Amino acid sequence: MSLAADNFDYRTQDFSKGPRRYFILGEDENPTPAKLQIEAIHKYEQQTEHKNSSIKLKHAGHIIPSDAPADYLEKILSVIKYEKLIK
């Protein structure tokens, strides 16, 4: 999602092709990027029917691994565990 800040509009992607995705967002993200991220996630969920694909982290902004490294790692590991369960 960080590419959205570099003139890359993630909302233009065809999400129907490609892997299952999970989005980890910082609760303290700036409003403009947060709005674009949420729009992209809604589009992803509509195109793929993969609901609940996003996770919000408290006390994190745009650079989540730096802002909340332990929480970020915990969420990544929970996604990996979940993926193993559904396969």
PDB file of N, CA and C in Angstrom:
ATOM      1  N   MET A   1       0.817  -1.187   0.000  1.00  0.00           N
ATOM      2  CA  MET A   1       0.000   0.000   0.000  1.00  0.00           C
ATOM      3  C   MET A   1       0.863   1.253   0.000  1.00  0.00           C
ATOM      4  N   SER A   2       2.117   1.142   0.392  1.00  0.00           N
ATOM      5  CA  SER A   2       2.957   2.334   0.456  1.00  0.00           C
ATOM      6  C   SER A   2       3.189   2.934  -0.922  1.00  0.00           C
ATOM      7  N   LEU A   3       3.023   2.138  -1.968  1.00  0.00           N
ATOM      8  CA  LEU A   3       3.223   2.670  -3.315  1.00  0.00           C
ATOM      9  C   LEU A   3       2.191   3.732  -3.661  1.00  0.00           C
ATOM     10  N   ALA A   4       1.065   3.762  -2.971  1.00  0.00           N
ATOM     11  CA  ALA A   4       0.047   4.777  -3.231  1.00  0.00           C
ATOM     12  C   ALA A   4       0.608   6.177  -3.008  1.00  0.00           C
ATOM     13  N   ALA A   5       1.587   6.300  -2.141  1.00  0.00           N
ATOM     14  CA  ALA A   5       2.199   7.597  -1.864  1.00  0.00           C
ATOM     15  C   ALA A   5       3.141   8.029  -2.979  1.00  0.00           C
ATOM     16  N   ASP A   6       3.515   7.118  -3.841  1.00  0.00           N
ATOM     17  CA  ASP A   6       4.459   7.413  -4.924  1.00  0.00           C
ATOM     18  C   ASP A   6       3.760   7.465  -6.276  1.00  0.00           C
ATOM     19  N   ASN A   7       2.578   8.078  -6.313  1.00  0.00           N
ATOM     20  CA  ASN A   7       1.797   8.224  -7.546  1.00  0.00           C
ATOM     21  C   ASN A   7       1.348   6.894  -8.136  1.00  0.00           C
ATOM     22  N   PHE A   8       1.263   5.876  -7.339  1.00  0.00           N
ATOM     23  CA  PHE A   8       0.739   4.582  -7.764  1.00  0.00           C
ATOM     24  C   PHE A   8      -0.629   4.446  -7.130  1.00  0.00           C
ATOM     25  N   ASP A   9      -1.634   4.256  -7.952  1.00  0.00           N
ATOM     26  CA  ASP A   9      -2.996   4.165  -7.435  1.00  0.00           C
ATOM     27  C   ASP A   9      -3.410   2.704  -7.361  1.00  0.00           C
ATOM     28  N   TYR A  10      -3.372   2.166  -6.178  1.00  0.00           N
ATOM     29  CA  TYR A  10      -3.673   0.747  -5.954  1.00  0.00           C
ATOM     30  C   TYR A  10      -5.115   0.415  -6.323  1.00  0.00           C
ATOM     31  N   ARG A  11      -5.971   1.427  -6.365  1.00  0.00           N
ATOM     32  CA  ARG A  11      -7.377   1.204  -6.693  1.00  0.00           C
ATOM     33  C   ARG A  11      -7.591   0.826  -8.145  1.00  0.00           C
ATOM     34  N   THR A  12      -6.590   1.017  -8.985  1.00  0.00           N
ATOM     35  CA  THR A  12      -6.746   0.710 -10.412  1.00  0.00           C
ATOM     36  C   THR A  12      -6.408  -0.739 -10.743  1.00  0.00           C
ATOM     37  N   GLN A  13      -6.018  -1.508  -9.761  1.00  0.00           N
ATOM     38  CA  GLN A  13      -5.607  -2.897  -9.986  1.00  0.00           C
ATOM     39  C   GLN A  13      -6.802  -3.799 -10.276  1.00  0.00           C
ATOM     40  N   ASP A  14      -6.546  -4.836 -11.070  1.00  0.00           N
ATOM     41  CA  ASP A  14      -7.535  -5.894 -11.273  1.00  0.00           C
ATOM     42  C   ASP A  14      -7.238  -6.961 -10.233  1.00  0.00           C
ATOM     43  N   PHE A  15      -7.963  -6.911  -9.145  1.00  0.00           N
ATOM     44  CA  PHE A  15      -7.709  -7.818  -8.032  1.00  0.00           C
ATOM     45  C   PHE A  15      -8.235  -9.224  -8.280  1.00  0.00           C
ATOM     46  N   SER A  16      -9.038  -9.395  -9.315  1.00  0.00           N
ATOM     47  CA  SER A  16      -9.595 -10.728  -9.578  1.00  0.00           C
ATOM     48  C   SER A  16      -8.508 -11.708 -10.012  1.00  0.00           C
ATOM     49  N   LYS A  17      -7.387 -11.179 -10.429  1.00  0.00           N
ATOM     50  CA  LYS A  17      -6.241 -12.009 -10.812  1.00  0.00           C
ATOM     51  C   LYS A  17      -5.173 -11.836  -9.738  1.00  0.00           C
ATOM     52  N   GLY A  18      -4.510 -12.899  -9.422  1.00  0.00           N
ATOM     53  CA  GLY A  18      -3.436 -12.779  -8.443  1.00  0.00           C
ATOM     54  C   GLY A  18      -3.763 -13.469  -7.140  1.00  0.00           C
ATOM     55  N   PRO A  19      -2.843 -13.368  -6.196  1.00  0.00           N
ATOM     56  CA  PRO A  19      -2.967 -14.104  -4.930  1.00  0.00           C
ATOM     57  C   PRO A  19      -3.956 -13.446  -3.969  1.00  0.00           C
ATOM     58  N   ARG A  20      -4.315 -14.191  -2.960  1.00  0.00           N
ATOM     59  CA  ARG A  20      -5.113 -13.651  -1.858  1.00  0.00           C
ATOM     60  C   ARG A  20      -4.240 -12.621  -1.140  1.00  0.00           C
ATOM     61  N   ARG A  21      -4.838 -11.528  -0.745  1.00  0.00           N
ATOM     62  CA  ARG A  21      -4.080 -10.453  -0.107  1.00  0.00           C
ATOM     63  C   ARG A  21      -4.659 -10.127   1.263  1.00  0.00           C
ATOM     64  N   TYR A  22      -3.786  -9.664   2.130  1.00  0.00           N
ATOM     65  CA  TYR A  22      -4.174  -9.134   3.432  1.00  0.00           C
ATOM     66  C   TYR A  22      -3.553  -7.751   3.548  1.00  0.00           C
ATOM     67  N   PHE A  23      -4.272  -6.839   4.151  1.00  0.00           N
ATOM     68  CA  PHE A  23      -3.819  -5.464   4.273  1.00  0.00           C
ATOM     69  C   PHE A  23      -3.685  -5.114   5.751  1.00  0.00           C
ATOM     70  N   ILE A  24      -2.516  -4.683   6.145  1.00  0.00           N
ATOM     71  CA  ILE A  24      -2.285  -4.253   7.522  1.00  0.00           C
ATOM     72  C   ILE A  24      -2.134  -2.736   7.493  1.00  0.00           C
ATOM     73  N   LEU A  25      -3.045  -2.067   8.183  1.00  0.00           N
ATOM     74  CA  LEU A  25      -3.106  -0.614   8.160  1.00  0.00           C
ATOM     75  C   LEU A  25      -2.814  -0.047   9.539  1.00  0.00           C
ATOM     76  N   GLY A  26      -2.211   1.121   9.556  1.00  0.00           N
ATOM     77  CA  GLY A  26      -1.973   1.823  10.809  1.00  0.00           C
ATOM     78  C   GLY A  26      -3.165   2.694  11.166  1.00  0.00           C
ATOM     79  N   GLU A  27      -3.614   2.590  12.390  1.00  0.00           N
ATOM     80  CA  GLU A  27      -4.756   3.379  12.854  1.00  0.00           C
ATOM     81  C   GLU A  27      -4.475   4.883  12.764  1.00  0.00           C
ATOM     82  N   ASP A  28      -3.206   5.272  12.874  1.00  0.00           N
ATOM     83  CA  ASP A  28      -2.831   6.681  12.863  1.00  0.00           C
ATOM     84  C   ASP A  28      -2.333   7.154  11.492  1.00  0.00           C
ATOM     85  N   GLU A  29      -2.705   6.449  10.441  1.00  0.00           N
ATOM     86  CA  GLU A  29      -2.332   6.845   9.077  1.00  0.00           C
ATOM     87  C   GLU A  29      -2.906   8.228   8.780  1.00  0.00           C
ATOM     88  N   ASN A  30      -2.230   8.983   7.942  1.00  0.00           N
ATOM     89  CA  ASN A  30      -2.743  10.280   7.507  1.00  0.00           C
ATOM     90  C   ASN A  30      -4.066  10.078   6.772  1.00  0.00           C
ATOM     91  N   PRO A  31      -5.006  11.023   6.892  1.00  0.00           N
ATOM     92  CA  PRO A  31      -6.342  10.834   6.322  1.00  0.00           C
ATOM     93  C   PRO A  31      -6.386  10.566   4.818  1.00  0.00           C
ATOM     94  N   THR A  32      -5.588  11.260   4.029  1.00  0.00           N
ATOM     95  CA  THR A  32      -5.656  11.062   2.576  1.00  0.00           C
ATOM     96  C   THR A  32      -5.199   9.671   2.160  1.00  0.00           C
ATOM     97  N   PRO A  33      -4.006   9.207   2.568  1.00  0.00           N
ATOM     98  CA  PRO A  33      -3.628   7.839   2.213  1.00  0.00           C
ATOM     99  C   PRO A  33      -4.580   6.799   2.809  1.00  0.00           C
ATOM    100  N   ALA A  34      -5.080   7.050   4.015  1.00  0.00           N
ATOM    101  CA  ALA A  34      -6.005   6.097   4.645  1.00  0.00           C
ATOM    102  C   ALA A  34      -7.261   5.937   3.800  1.00  0.00           C
ATOM    103  N   LYS A  35      -7.777   7.035   3.283  1.00  0.00           N
ATOM    104  CA  LYS A  35      -8.979   6.987   2.438  1.00  0.00           C
ATOM    105  C   LYS A  35      -8.710   6.161   1.179  1.00  0.00           C
ATOM    106  N   LEU A  36      -7.574   6.387   0.538  1.00  0.00           N
ATOM    107  CA  LEU A  36      -7.226   5.639  -0.673  1.00  0.00           C
ATOM    108  C   LEU A  36      -7.039   4.157  -0.365  1.00  0.00           C
ATOM    109  N   GLN A  37      -6.424   3.858   0.770  1.00  0.00           N
ATOM    110  CA  GLN A  37      -6.210   2.467   1.159  1.00  0.00           C
ATOM    111  C   GLN A  37      -7.545   1.759   1.386  1.00  0.00           C
ATOM    112  N   ILE A  38      -8.451   2.410   2.089  1.00  0.00           N
ATOM    113  CA  ILE A  38      -9.753   1.806   2.371  1.00  0.00           C
ATOM    114  C   ILE A  38     -10.531   1.590   1.081  1.00  0.00           C
ATOM    115  N   GLU A  39     -10.477   2.540   0.164  1.00  0.00           N
ATOM    116  CA  GLU A  39     -11.144   2.369  -1.131  1.00  0.00           C
ATOM    117  C   GLU A  39     -10.564   1.181  -1.888  1.00  0.00           C
ATOM    118  N   ALA A  40      -9.247   1.030  -1.867  1.00  0.00           N
ATOM    119  CA  ALA A  40      -8.604  -0.101  -2.548  1.00  0.00           C
ATOM    120  C   ALA A  40      -9.010  -1.423  -1.909  1.00  0.00           C
ATOM    121  N   ILE A  41      -9.084  -1.454  -0.599  1.00  0.00           N
ATOM    122  CA  ILE A  41      -9.476  -2.683   0.099  1.00  0.00           C
ATOM    123  C   ILE A  41     -10.915  -3.050  -0.234  1.00  0.00           C
ATOM    124  N   HIS A  42     -11.798  -2.066  -0.267  1.00  0.00           N
ATOM    125  CA  HIS A  42     -13.195  -2.344  -0.633  1.00  0.00           C
ATOM    126  C   HIS A  42     -13.278  -2.907  -2.048  1.00  0.00           C
ATOM    127  N   LYS A  43     -12.507  -2.326  -2.948  1.00  0.00           N
ATOM    128  CA  LYS A  43     -12.498  -2.826  -4.326  1.00  0.00           C
ATOM    129  C   LYS A  43     -11.968  -4.257  -4.370  1.00  0.00           C
ATOM    130  N   TYR A  44     -10.894  -4.523  -3.645  1.00  0.00           N
ATOM    131  CA  TYR A  44     -10.337  -5.875  -3.585  1.00  0.00           C
ATOM    132  C   TYR A  44     -11.392  -6.856  -3.084  1.00  0.00           C
ATOM    133  N   GLU A  45     -12.070  -6.503  -1.993  1.00  0.00           N
ATOM    134  CA  GLU A  45     -13.058  -7.409  -1.407  1.00  0.00           C
ATOM    135  C   GLU A  45     -14.252  -7.624  -2.332  1.00  0.00           C
ATOM    136  N   GLN A  46     -14.638  -6.606  -3.080  1.00  0.00           N
ATOM    137  CA  GLN A  46     -15.733  -6.759  -4.041  1.00  0.00           C
ATOM    138  C   GLN A  46     -15.330  -7.677  -5.193  1.00  0.00           C
ATOM    139  N   GLN A  47     -14.131  -7.499  -5.707  1.00  0.00           N
ATOM    140  CA  GLN A  47     -13.687  -8.281  -6.864  1.00  0.00           C
ATOM    141  C   GLN A  47     -13.369  -9.725  -6.515  1.00  0.00           C
ATOM    142  N   THR A  48     -12.944  -9.981  -5.294  1.00  0.00           N
ATOM    143  CA  THR A  48     -12.472 -11.321  -4.938  1.00  0.00           C
ATOM    144  C   THR A  48     -13.392 -12.069  -3.985  1.00  0.00           C
ATOM    145  N   GLU A  49     -14.314 -11.360  -3.351  1.00  0.00           N
ATOM    146  CA  GLU A  49     -15.186 -11.930  -2.318  1.00  0.00           C
ATOM    147  C   GLU A  49     -14.396 -12.428  -1.108  1.00  0.00           C
ATOM    148  N   HIS A  50     -13.174 -11.947  -0.949  1.00  0.00           N
ATOM    149  CA  HIS A  50     -12.375 -12.237   0.250  1.00  0.00           C
ATOM    150  C   HIS A  50     -12.673 -11.134   1.258  1.00  0.00           C
ATOM    151  N   LYS A  51     -13.573 -11.411   2.160  1.00  0.00           N
ATOM    152  CA  LYS A  51     -13.983 -10.411   3.150  1.00  0.00           C
ATOM    153  C   LYS A  51     -13.012 -10.392   4.324  1.00  0.00           C
ATOM    154  N   ASN A  52     -13.057  -9.326   5.075  1.00  0.00           N
ATOM    155  CA  ASN A  52     -12.214  -9.167   6.268  1.00  0.00           C
ATOM    156  C   ASN A  52     -10.732  -9.326   5.945  1.00  0.00           C
ATOM    157  N   SER A  53     -10.298  -8.685   4.885  1.00  0.00           N
ATOM    158  CA  SER A  53      -8.908  -8.822   4.445  1.00  0.00           C
ATOM    159  C   SER A  53      -7.982  -7.781   5.059  1.00  0.00           C
ATOM    160  N   SER A  54      -8.526  -6.901   5.892  1.00  0.00           N
ATOM    161  CA  SER A  54      -7.673  -5.860   6.463  1.00  0.00           C
ATOM    162  C   SER A  54      -7.587  -5.980   7.981  1.00  0.00           C
ATOM    163  N   ILE A  55      -6.454  -5.543   8.485  1.00  0.00           N
ATOM    164  CA  ILE A  55      -6.166  -5.548   9.917  1.00  0.00           C
ATOM    165  C   ILE A  55      -5.671  -4.150  10.262  1.00  0.00           C
ATOM    166  N   LYS A  56      -6.232  -3.543  11.295  1.00  0.00           N
ATOM    167  CA  LYS A  56      -5.779  -2.221  11.738  1.00  0.00           C
ATOM    168  C   LYS A  56      -4.955  -2.359  13.001  1.00  0.00           C
ATOM    169  N   LEU A  57      -3.813  -1.698  13.008  1.00  0.00           N
ATOM    170  CA  LEU A  57      -2.946  -1.718  14.186  1.00  0.00           C
ATOM    171  C   LEU A  57      -3.028  -0.384  14.925  1.00  0.00           C
ATOM    172  N   LYS A  58      -3.248  -0.478  16.226  1.00  0.00           N
ATOM    173  CA  LYS A  58      -3.241   0.724  17.060  1.00  0.00           C
ATOM    174  C   LYS A  58      -1.809   1.236  17.193  1.00  0.00           C
ATOM    175  N   HIS A  59      -1.698   2.514  17.398  1.00  0.00           N
ATOM    176  CA  HIS A  59      -0.400   3.163  17.655  1.00  0.00           C
ATOM    177  C   HIS A  59       0.574   3.002  16.491  1.00  0.00           C
ATOM    178  N   ALA A  60       0.051   2.929  15.280  1.00  0.00           N
ATOM    179  CA  ALA A  60       0.909   2.830  14.096  1.00  0.00           C
ATOM    180  C   ALA A  60       0.387   3.791  13.039  1.00  0.00           C
ATOM    181  N   GLY A  61       1.321   4.360  12.305  1.00  0.00           N
ATOM    182  CA  GLY A  61       0.964   5.251  11.216  1.00  0.00           C
ATOM    183  C   GLY A  61       1.265   4.601   9.881  1.00  0.00           C
ATOM    184  N   HIS A  62       1.950   5.327   9.021  1.00  0.00           N
ATOM    185  CA  HIS A  62       2.216   4.838   7.670  1.00  0.00           C
ATOM    186  C   HIS A  62       3.300   3.763   7.637  1.00  0.00           C
ATOM    187  N   ILE A  63       4.324   3.911   8.452  1.00  0.00           N
ATOM    188  CA  ILE A  63       5.444   2.965   8.450  1.00  0.00           C
ATOM    189  C   ILE A  63       5.245   1.991   9.613  1.00  0.00           C
ATOM    190  N   ILE A  64       4.352   1.058   9.426  1.00  0.00           N
ATOM    191  CA  ILE A  64       3.925   0.164  10.503  1.00  0.00           C
ATOM    192  C   ILE A  64       5.075  -0.637  11.119  1.00  0.00           C
ATOM    193  N   PRO A  65       5.976  -1.234  10.331  1.00  0.00           N
ATOM    194  CA  PRO A  65       7.048  -2.017  10.963  1.00  0.00           C
ATOM    195  C   PRO A  65       7.913  -1.192  11.919  1.00  0.00           C
ATOM    196  N   SER A  66       8.052   0.103  11.651  1.00  0.00           N
ATOM    197  CA  SER A  66       8.829   0.969  12.546  1.00  0.00           C
ATOM    198  C   SER A  66       8.002   1.445  13.735  1.00  0.00           C
ATOM    199  N   ASP A  67       6.726   1.722  13.492  1.00  0.00           N
ATOM    200  CA  ASP A  67       5.863   2.266  14.543  1.00  0.00           C
ATOM    201  C   ASP A  67       5.439   1.220  15.573  1.00  0.00           C
ATOM    202  N   ALA A  68       5.182   0.008  15.118  1.00  0.00           N
ATOM    203  CA  ALA A  68       4.674  -1.045  16.013  1.00  0.00           C
ATOM    204  C   ALA A  68       5.239  -2.403  15.593  1.00  0.00           C
ATOM    205  N   PRO A  69       6.560  -2.582  15.705  1.00  0.00           N
ATOM    206  CA  PRO A  69       7.179  -3.802  15.176  1.00  0.00           C
ATOM    207  C   PRO A  69       6.655  -5.103  15.787  1.00  0.00           C
ATOM    208  N   ALA A  70       6.448  -5.141  17.079  1.00  0.00           N
ATOM    209  CA  ALA A  70       5.978  -6.388  17.711  1.00  0.00           C
ATOM    210  C   ALA A  70       4.551  -6.717  17.276  1.00  0.00           C
ATOM    211  N   ASP A  71       3.691  -5.708  17.244  1.00  0.00           N
ATOM    212  CA  ASP A  71       2.310  -5.929  16.805  1.00  0.00           C
ATOM    213  C   ASP A  71       2.261  -6.336  15.338  1.00  0.00           C
ATOM    214  N   TYR A  72       3.106  -5.712  14.534  1.00  0.00           N
ATOM    215  CA  TYR A  72       3.169  -6.035  13.108  1.00  0.00           C
ATOM    216  C   TYR A  72       3.568  -7.498  12.916  1.00  0.00           C
ATOM    217  N   LEU A  73       4.604  -7.924  13.610  1.00  0.00           N
ATOM    218  CA  LEU A  73       5.049  -9.312  13.515  1.00  0.00           C
ATOM    219  C   LEU A  73       3.944 -10.264  13.968  1.00  0.00           C
ATOM    220  N   GLU A  74       3.270  -9.932  15.053  1.00  0.00           N
ATOM    221  CA  GLU A  74       2.181 -10.778  15.555  1.00  0.00           C
ATOM    222  C   GLU A  74       1.085 -10.945  14.496  1.00  0.00           C
ATOM    223  N   LYS A  75       0.723  -9.866  13.820  1.00  0.00           N
ATOM    224  CA  LYS A  75      -0.326  -9.940  12.792  1.00  0.00           C
ATOM    225  C   LYS A  75       0.141 -10.741  11.586  1.00  0.00           C
ATOM    226  N   ILE A  76       1.380 -10.548  11.169  1.00  0.00           N
ATOM    227  CA  ILE A  76       1.919 -11.326  10.046  1.00  0.00           C
ATOM    228  C   ILE A  76       1.881 -12.813  10.382  1.00  0.00           C
ATOM    229  N   LEU A  77       2.307 -13.168  11.575  1.00  0.00           N
ATOM    230  CA  LEU A  77       2.305 -14.578  11.982  1.00  0.00           C
ATOM    231  C   LEU A  77       0.887 -15.132  12.067  1.00  0.00           C
ATOM    232  N   SER A  78      -0.070 -14.318  12.495  1.00  0.00           N
ATOM    233  CA  SER A  78      -1.454 -14.798  12.558  1.00  0.00           C
ATOM    234  C   SER A  78      -2.023 -15.025  11.162  1.00  0.00           C
ATOM    235  N   VAL A  79      -1.644 -14.192  10.201  1.00  0.00           N
ATOM    236  CA  VAL A  79      -2.077 -14.397   8.813  1.00  0.00           C
ATOM    237  C   VAL A  79      -1.490 -15.695   8.269  1.00  0.00           C
ATOM    238  N   ILE A  80      -0.215 -15.930   8.527  1.00  0.00           N
ATOM    239  CA  ILE A  80       0.434 -17.164   8.065  1.00  0.00           C
ATOM    240  C   ILE A  80      -0.256 -18.376   8.679  1.00  0.00           C
ATOM    241  N   LYS A  81      -0.541 -18.319   9.960  1.00  0.00           N
ATOM    242  CA  LYS A  81      -1.219 -19.426  10.645  1.00  0.00           C
ATOM    243  C   LYS A  81      -2.605 -19.656  10.043  1.00  0.00           C
ATOM    244  N   TYR A  82      -3.341 -18.585   9.801  1.00  0.00           N
ATOM    245  CA  TYR A  82      -4.678 -18.691   9.210  1.00  0.00           C
ATOM    246  C   TYR A  82      -4.609 -19.313   7.820  1.00  0.00           C
ATOM    247  N   GLU A  83      -3.667 -18.868   7.015  1.00  0.00           N
ATOM    248  CA  GLU A  83      -3.520 -19.407   5.657  1.00  0.00           C
ATOM    249  C   GLU A  83      -3.249 -20.909   5.687  1.00  0.00           C
ATOM    250  N   LYS A  84      -2.461 -21.355   6.635  1.00  0.00           N
ATOM    251  CA  LYS A  84      -2.179 -22.793   6.759  1.00  0.00           C
ATOM    252  C   LYS A  84      -3.447 -23.555   7.134  1.00  0.00           C
ATOM    253  N   LEU A  85      -4.307 -22.956   7.949  1.00  0.00           N
ATOM    254  CA  LEU A  85      -5.546 -23.608   8.370  1.00  0.00           C
ATOM    255  C   LEU A  85      -6.549 -23.759   7.229  1.00  0.00           C
ATOM    256  N   ILE A  86      -6.612 -22.772   6.344  1.00  0.00           N
ATOM    257  CA  ILE A  86      -7.636 -22.817   5.293  1.00  0.00           C
ATOM    258  C   ILE A  86      -7.192 -23.582   4.054  1.00  0.00           C
ATOM    259  N   LYS A  87      -5.943 -23.979   4.006  1.00  0.00           N
ATOM    260  CA  LYS A  87      -5.467 -24.727   2.830  1.00  0.00           C
ATOM    261  C   LYS A  87      -5.674 -26.199   3.004  1.00  0.00           C
TER     262      LYS A  87
END
